[in-house]
């Protein structure tokens, strides 16, 4: 996937997140806390492709978590797998930063 396509997909997921937050109980935004800690949005076009890939996987994990806690069973495994994938995209610096913020 090209970077511009990835950014468009990132934008779609962000819009989906915003829509779902209005529709279902989002646990005060705690589900998307790790995504927000990345400080990468689709508007940050100067960020690297890797950073956008990490943001997409982290955001997708948050969406799966949100849905799994709101009567959509079976998405826990999807969420866990997306978490594993997002960890692969993290640098050691990002991993240590995320641990500090927990």
Protein backbone atom coordinates (compact mmCIF):
# COMPACT_ATOMS: atom_id res chain seq x y z
CA UNK A 1 0.00 0.00 0.00
CA UNK A 2 1.33 3.42 -0.93
CA UNK A 3 1.67 6.10 1.73
CA UNK A 4 -1.13 8.26 0.33
CA UNK A 5 -3.49 5.25 0.28
CA UNK A 6 -2.48 4.44 3.84
CA UNK A 7 -3.26 8.00 4.93
CA UNK A 8 -6.68 7.77 3.27
CA UNK A 9 -7.35 4.51 5.10
CA UNK A 10 -6.17 6.13 8.33
CA UNK A 11 -8.67 8.94 7.73
CA UNK A 12 -11.47 6.43 7.17
CA UNK A 13 -10.65 4.63 10.42
CA UNK A 14 -10.55 7.92 12.31
CA UNK A 15 -14.00 8.82 10.96
CA UNK A 16 -15.26 5.36 11.92
CA UNK A 17 -13.84 5.84 15.43
CA UNK A 18 -15.59 9.18 15.80
CA UNK A 19 -18.87 7.74 14.57
CA UNK A 20 -18.67 4.71 16.87
CA UNK A 21 -17.85 6.86 19.89
CA UNK A 22 -21.11 8.72 19.34
CA UNK A 23 -23.11 5.50 18.99
CA UNK A 24 -21.77 3.24 21.74
CA UNK A 25 -20.34 3.51 25.24
CA UNK A 26 -16.65 4.24 24.74
CA UNK A 27 -15.50 3.93 28.36
CA UNK A 28 -14.47 7.61 28.52
CA UNK A 29 -12.05 7.24 25.60
CA UNK A 30 -9.74 4.83 27.39
CA UNK A 31 -10.00 2.40 24.49
CA UNK A 32 -8.21 4.83 22.17
CA UNK A 33 -5.67 6.08 24.68
CA UNK A 34 -2.75 4.21 23.08
CA UNK A 35 -3.67 5.63 19.65
CA UNK A 36 -3.77 9.17 21.00
CA UNK A 37 -0.37 8.69 22.68
CA UNK A 38 1.19 8.10 19.27
CA UNK A 39 0.46 11.69 18.18
CA UNK A 40 -0.03 10.53 14.58
CA UNK A 41 -3.21 11.52 12.77
CA UNK A 42 -4.06 11.44 9.06
CA UNK A 43 -3.38 15.18 9.03
CA UNK A 44 0.30 14.55 9.85
CA UNK A 45 1.29 13.78 6.28
CA UNK A 46 4.94 14.49 7.06
CA UNK A 47 5.09 11.46 9.38
CA UNK A 48 6.66 8.32 7.97
CA UNK A 49 4.77 5.47 6.39
CA UNK A 50 5.79 3.23 9.31
CA UNK A 51 4.32 5.69 11.80
CA UNK A 52 1.03 5.75 9.88
CA UNK A 53 1.00 1.93 9.71
CA UNK A 54 1.49 1.80 13.47
CA UNK A 55 -1.32 4.32 13.95
CA UNK A 56 -3.66 2.32 11.66
CA UNK A 57 -3.06 -0.92 13.55
CA UNK A 58 -3.38 0.79 16.93
CA UNK A 59 -6.57 2.57 15.89
CA UNK A 60 -7.99 -0.68 14.47
CA UNK A 61 -7.23 -2.38 17.77
CA UNK A 62 -9.10 0.35 19.62
CA UNK A 63 -12.11 -0.03 17.33
CA UNK A 64 -12.12 -3.81 17.87
CA UNK A 65 -11.87 -3.26 21.65
CA UNK A 66 -14.71 -0.77 21.59
CA UNK A 67 -16.96 -3.14 19.67
CA UNK A 68 -16.03 -6.18 21.76
CA UNK A 69 -17.08 -4.34 24.94
CA UNK A 70 -20.41 -3.35 23.38
CA UNK A 71 -22.18 -6.62 22.58
CA UNK A 72 -20.03 -7.68 19.64
CA UNK A 73 -18.39 -10.83 21.03
CA UNK A 74 -15.51 -12.50 19.31
CA UNK A 75 -13.53 -9.36 18.56
CA UNK A 76 -11.21 -9.83 21.56
CA UNK A 77 -9.00 -12.15 19.50
CA UNK A 78 -8.93 -9.67 16.63
CA UNK A 79 -7.97 -6.92 19.07
CA UNK A 80 -5.20 -9.02 20.60
CA UNK A 81 -3.80 -9.88 17.18
CA UNK A 82 -3.84 -6.23 16.09
CA UNK A 83 -1.98 -5.40 19.30
CA UNK A 84 0.71 -7.93 18.43
CA UNK A 85 1.03 -6.53 14.92
CA UNK A 86 1.27 -2.95 16.17
CA UNK A 87 4.08 -3.94 18.54
CA UNK A 88 6.07 -5.20 15.55
CA UNK A 89 5.90 -1.73 13.98
CA UNK A 90 7.09 0.03 17.15
CA UNK A 91 10.68 1.01 17.63
CA UNK A 92 12.31 0.35 20.99
CA UNK A 93 11.98 4.03 21.81
CA UNK A 94 8.22 3.96 21.12
CA UNK A 95 7.80 0.79 23.18
CA UNK A 96 9.56 2.31 26.17
CA UNK A 97 7.58 5.54 25.76
CA UNK A 98 4.29 3.63 25.74
CA UNK A 99 5.31 1.74 28.88
CA UNK A 100 6.09 5.00 30.67
CA UNK A 101 2.67 6.41 29.85
CA UNK A 102 0.73 3.36 31.13
